[in-house]
Protein backbone atom coordinates (compact mmCIF):
# COMPACT_ATOMS: atom_id res chain seq x y z
CA UNK A 1 -4.41 23.00 -6.88
CA UNK A 2 -2.53 24.16 -3.76
CA UNK A 3 -1.59 21.53 -1.18
CA UNK A 4 -3.78 23.13 1.47
CA UNK A 5 -6.91 22.89 -0.67
CA UNK A 6 -5.98 19.42 -1.97
CA UNK A 7 -5.52 18.20 1.60
CA UNK A 8 -8.81 19.73 2.71
CA UNK A 9 -10.64 17.85 -0.02
CA UNK A 10 -8.62 14.71 0.72
CA UNK A 11 -9.66 14.65 4.38
CA UNK A 12 -13.31 14.89 3.37
CA UNK A 13 -12.70 12.17 0.82
CA UNK A 14 -11.07 9.92 3.41
CA UNK A 15 -14.07 10.35 5.68
CA UNK A 16 -16.40 9.38 2.84
CA UNK A 17 -14.28 6.36 1.95
CA UNK A 18 -14.33 5.24 5.58
CA UNK A 19 -18.13 5.33 5.54
CA UNK A 20 -18.09 3.00 2.54
CA UNK A 21 -15.73 0.57 4.25
CA UNK A 22 -18.00 0.15 7.26
CA UNK A 23 -21.07 -0.27 5.07
CA UNK A 24 -21.36 -4.05 4.78
CA UNK A 25 -18.88 -5.32 2.18
CA UNK A 26 -19.50 -8.87 3.41
CA UNK A 27 -22.97 -8.71 1.88
CA UNK A 28 -21.30 -8.64 -1.55
CA UNK A 29 -18.89 -11.54 -1.08
CA UNK A 30 -18.68 -14.08 -3.91
CA UNK A 31 -19.71 -17.69 -3.42
CA UNK A 32 -17.36 -19.66 -1.14
CA UNK A 33 -15.64 -21.45 -4.00
CA UNK A 34 -14.73 -18.08 -5.57
CA UNK A 35 -14.03 -16.14 -2.39
CA UNK A 36 -10.25 -16.22 -1.99
CA UNK A 37 -9.43 -13.03 -3.97
CA UNK A 38 -12.25 -11.17 -2.18
CA UNK A 39 -11.10 -12.36 1.25
CA UNK A 40 -7.45 -11.46 0.68
CA UNK A 41 -8.55 -8.20 -0.93
CA UNK A 42 -10.56 -7.21 2.13
CA UNK A 43 -7.54 -7.80 4.36
CA UNK A 44 -5.44 -5.59 2.10
CA UNK A 45 -7.96 -2.77 1.80
CA UNK A 46 -8.60 -2.76 5.56
CA UNK A 47 -4.85 -2.52 6.18
CA UNK A 48 -4.60 0.18 3.49
CA UNK A 49 -7.24 2.22 5.32
CA UNK A 50 -5.25 2.10 8.56
CA UNK A 51 -2.08 3.15 6.77
CA UNK A 52 -3.95 6.16 5.38
CA UNK A 53 -4.96 7.08 8.92
CA UNK A 54 -1.34 6.73 10.05
CA UNK A 55 -0.08 9.00 7.24
CA UNK A 56 -2.59 11.72 8.11
CA UNK A 57 -1.80 11.44 11.84
CA UNK A 58 1.94 11.75 11.23
CA UNK A 59 1.39 14.73 8.93
CA UNK A 60 -0.69 16.50 11.56
CA UNK A 61 2.14 16.02 14.05
CA UNK A 62 4.82 17.44 11.77
CA UNK A 63 6.18 14.03 10.79
CA UNK A 64 5.13 13.75 7.14
CA UNK A 65 8.73 12.94 6.18
CA UNK A 66 8.70 9.99 8.57
CA UNK A 67 5.48 8.70 6.94
CA UNK A 68 7.48 7.52 3.89
CA UNK A 69 7.40 3.84 5.01
CA UNK A 70 3.62 4.10 5.46
CA UNK A 71 3.14 5.66 2.03
CA UNK A 72 5.43 3.00 0.52
CA UNK A 73 3.34 0.27 2.15
CA UNK A 74 0.20 1.89 0.76
CA UNK A 75 1.67 1.50 -2.74
CA UNK A 76 2.26 -2.19 -1.99
CA UNK A 77 -1.33 -2.70 -0.86
CA UNK A 78 -2.75 -0.88 -3.89
CA UNK A 79 -0.55 -2.90 -6.24
CA UNK A 80 -1.61 -6.20 -4.71
CA UNK A 81 -5.29 -5.21 -4.83
CA UNK A 82 -4.96 -4.40 -8.52
CA UNK A 83 -3.08 -7.66 -9.01
CA UNK A 84 -5.98 -9.56 -7.43
CA UNK A 85 -8.36 -7.92 -9.90
CA UNK A 86 -6.16 -8.85 -12.87
CA UNK A 87 -5.15 -12.40 -11.98
CA UNK A 88 -7.66 -13.49 -9.32
CA UNK A 89 -6.98 -16.99 -8.01
CA UNK A 90 -3.52 -17.03 -9.61
CA UNK A 91 -2.60 -13.99 -7.51
CA UNK A 92 -3.61 -15.77 -4.31
CA UNK A 93 -1.59 -18.83 -5.32
CA UNK A 94 1.42 -16.62 -6.02
CA UNK A 95 1.04 -14.87 -2.67
CA UNK A 96 0.82 -18.27 -0.98
CA UNK A 97 3.96 -19.39 -2.81
CA UNK A 98 5.80 -16.28 -1.62
CA UNK A 99 4.54 -16.88 1.94
CA UNK A 100 5.79 -20.46 1.82
CA UNK A 101 9.22 -19.34 0.61
CA UNK A 102 9.57 -16.66 3.29
CA UNK A 103 8.27 -19.03 5.96
CA UNK A 104 11.04 -21.47 5.03
CA UNK A 105 13.63 -18.78 5.71
CA UNK A 106 11.96 -17.84 8.98
CA UNK A 107 11.95 -21.46 10.11
CA UNK A 108 15.61 -21.88 9.23
CA UNK A 109 16.47 -18.77 11.24
CA UNK A 110 14.49 -20.10 14.21
CA UNK A 111 16.22 -23.48 13.96
CA UNK A 112 19.63 -21.85 13.80
CA UNK A 113 18.96 -19.89 17.00
CA UNK A 114 17.21 -22.73 18.83
CA UNK A 115 13.83 -20.97 19.05
CA UNK A 116 10.70 -22.99 19.80
CA UNK A 117 7.64 -22.96 17.54
CA UNK A 118 4.63 -25.07 16.55
CA UNK A 119 6.21 -27.67 14.28
CA UNK A 120 2.85 -29.00 13.07
CA UNK A 121 1.88 -25.58 11.71
CA UNK A 122 5.31 -25.04 10.21
CA UNK A 123 5.16 -28.46 8.56
CA UNK A 124 1.74 -27.69 7.11
CA UNK A 125 3.12 -24.55 5.47
CA UNK A 126 6.19 -26.41 4.20
CA UNK A 127 4.22 -29.34 2.78
CA UNK A 128 1.41 -27.39 1.14
CA UNK A 129 1.20 -28.08 -2.59
CA UNK A 130 0.63 -24.78 -4.39
CA UNK A 131 -0.10 -24.73 -8.12
CA UNK A 132 2.44 -23.04 -10.35
CA UNK A 133 1.28 -19.90 -12.10
CA UNK A 134 2.59 -17.37 -14.63
CA UNK A 135 1.58 -14.76 -12.04
CA UNK A 136 4.56 -15.83 -9.90
CA UNK A 137 6.74 -13.46 -11.92
CA UNK A 138 4.94 -10.56 -10.25
CA UNK A 139 5.72 -11.56 -6.68
CA UNK A 140 8.47 -8.93 -6.67
CA UNK A 141 7.24 -5.37 -6.25
CA UNK A 142 9.36 -3.87 -9.01
CA UNK A 143 7.97 -6.30 -11.58
CA UNK A 144 4.41 -5.90 -10.31
CA UNK A 145 4.36 -2.12 -10.20
CA UNK A 146 5.98 -1.85 -13.64
CA UNK A 147 3.28 -4.13 -15.02
CA UNK A 148 0.45 -2.16 -13.43
CA UNK A 149 1.71 1.28 -14.46
CA UNK A 150 -0.14 4.37 -13.25
CA UNK A 151 2.92 5.75 -11.49
CA UNK A 152 3.04 2.95 -8.91
CA UNK A 153 6.61 1.98 -9.74
CA UNK A 154 7.86 5.56 -9.52
CA UNK A 155 6.00 6.13 -6.24
CA UNK A 156 7.35 2.91 -4.78
CA UNK A 157 10.95 3.64 -5.72
CA UNK A 158 10.68 7.25 -4.52
CA UNK A 159 9.26 6.35 -1.11
CA UNK A 160 11.82 3.56 -0.75
CA UNK A 161 14.65 6.11 -0.80
CA UNK A 162 13.24 7.70 2.38
CA UNK A 163 12.16 4.42 4.01
CA UNK A 164 15.64 2.92 4.38
CA UNK A 165 19.09 4.03 5.50
CA UNK A 166 20.04 5.50 2.12
CA UNK A 167 22.21 8.47 1.20
CA UNK A 168 19.03 10.19 0.03
CA UNK A 169 17.50 9.83 3.48
CA UNK A 170 20.68 11.00 5.24
CA UNK A 171 21.11 13.93 2.86
CA UNK A 172 17.82 15.46 3.99
CA UNK A 173 19.48 16.51 7.25
CA UNK A 174 22.58 18.38 6.13
CA UNK A 175 23.66 20.95 3.58
CA UNK A 176 27.23 21.80 2.66
CA UNK A 177 29.00 24.40 0.57
CA UNK A 178 32.69 25.08 -0.12
CA UNK A 179 33.53 26.12 3.43
CA UNK A 180 30.46 25.51 5.61
CA UNK A 181 28.16 22.71 6.62
CA UNK A 182 24.66 23.09 8.05
CA UNK A 183 23.25 20.28 10.20
CA UNK A 184 19.53 20.14 10.91
CA UNK A 185 17.12 18.02 12.92
CA UNK A 186 14.33 18.58 10.42
CA UNK A 187 14.42 17.38 6.80
CA UNK A 188 15.03 19.65 3.82
CA UNK A 189 14.98 18.67 0.17
CA UNK A 190 16.96 21.29 -1.72
CA UNK A 191 13.92 22.32 -3.73
CA UNK A 192 11.31 25.03 -3.43
CA UNK A 193 8.45 24.05 -1.17
CA UNK A 194 7.92 20.93 0.91
CA UNK A 195 6.67 17.94 -1.10
CA UNK A 196 5.70 16.17 2.12
CA UNK A 197 2.84 18.64 2.53
CA UNK A 198 0.94 16.49 0.02
CA UNK A 199 0.85 13.50 2.40
CA UNK A 200 -2.89 13.63 3.25
CA UNK A 201 -3.75 13.90 -0.43
CA UNK A 202 -1.50 10.94 -1.22
CA UNK A 203 -3.16 8.93 1.56
CA UNK A 204 -6.54 9.65 0.00
CA UNK A 205 -5.26 8.95 -3.51
CA UNK A 206 -3.89 5.51 -2.68
CA UNK A 207 -6.89 4.49 -0.57
CA UNK A 208 -9.24 5.66 -3.33
CA UNK A 209 -7.57 3.55 -6.01
CA UNK A 210 -7.22 0.60 -3.65
CA UNK A 211 -10.96 0.73 -3.01
CA UNK A 212 -11.68 0.94 -6.73
CA UNK A 213 -9.83 -2.35 -7.07
CA UNK A 214 -11.62 -3.97 -4.12
CA UNK A 215 -14.94 -2.79 -5.54
CA UNK A 216 -14.23 -5.02 -8.55
CA UNK A 217 -13.73 -8.00 -6.23
CA UNK A 218 -17.25 -7.66 -4.82
CA UNK A 219 -20.31 -9.10 -6.51
CA UNK A 220 -21.98 -6.34 -8.51
CA UNK A 221 -19.27 -3.71 -7.78
CA UNK A 222 -21.65 -1.95 -5.34
CA UNK A 223 -19.40 1.03 -4.57
CA UNK A 224 -19.12 2.30 -8.15
CA UNK A 225 -21.51 5.25 -7.92
CA UNK A 226 -20.28 6.31 -4.47
CA UNK A 227 -16.63 6.12 -5.51
CA UNK A 228 -17.34 8.18 -8.61
CA UNK A 229 -19.05 10.85 -6.51
CA UNK A 230 -16.21 10.89 -3.96
CA UNK A 231 -13.60 11.16 -6.70
CA UNK A 232 -15.47 13.96 -8.46
CA UNK A 233 -15.71 15.94 -5.22
CA UNK A 234 -12.09 15.40 -4.17
CA UNK A 235 -10.42 16.32 -7.44
CA UNK A 236 -10.23 12.91 -9.13
CA UNK A 237 -13.01 13.40 -11.66
CA UNK A 238 -12.93 10.75 -14.36
CA UNK A 239 -10.93 8.26 -12.29
CA UNK A 240 -13.85 5.84 -12.33
């Protein structure tokens, strides 16, 4: 399928997915004692939806290359949603453990620079007792995406090369031969075609699979039929 047609279908798919997201997911929340994975999952899928919108907006303004950090973040959200489905409460505990660890570093940095903050809140984070879990080994994205498969690891590593100050990122803006050098203000990739043209489709793809995961966190998986229909229409037949 050509990028133009894939993107056309993707935009329609994104519109359909948005309609699902505003359709009352709270009505399918688990009981309070089982709600943590659902609650965290909703935060992730809502953020994932906004990243999809950002990717499409950047693409429309000729900045698909610069959307690499957004696409990379979409991979992170999808991976964590799938992790919630697999490990449930253990995933939330592992995310809390990672938050506690990073918060410790943030507090140390604030102390070193003499910044003011709410010590009571900081102490509550520091003193929280979080159960250990085998899921902690997946707090790092490389380990998590390798475990999940489905191309997430490859997508994450690929987008990372354009999301940081790497030689890959710098090399998109110059070309050299034996005796000449060409400097550009727009990226080139040394291959035929522009892979960034697929950005809207990728935005749809990641949001679609993120919503499949969140659907499994809701009581009764109420989006199943709608997601199947959306996938069938947008070129992802058989994905659900």
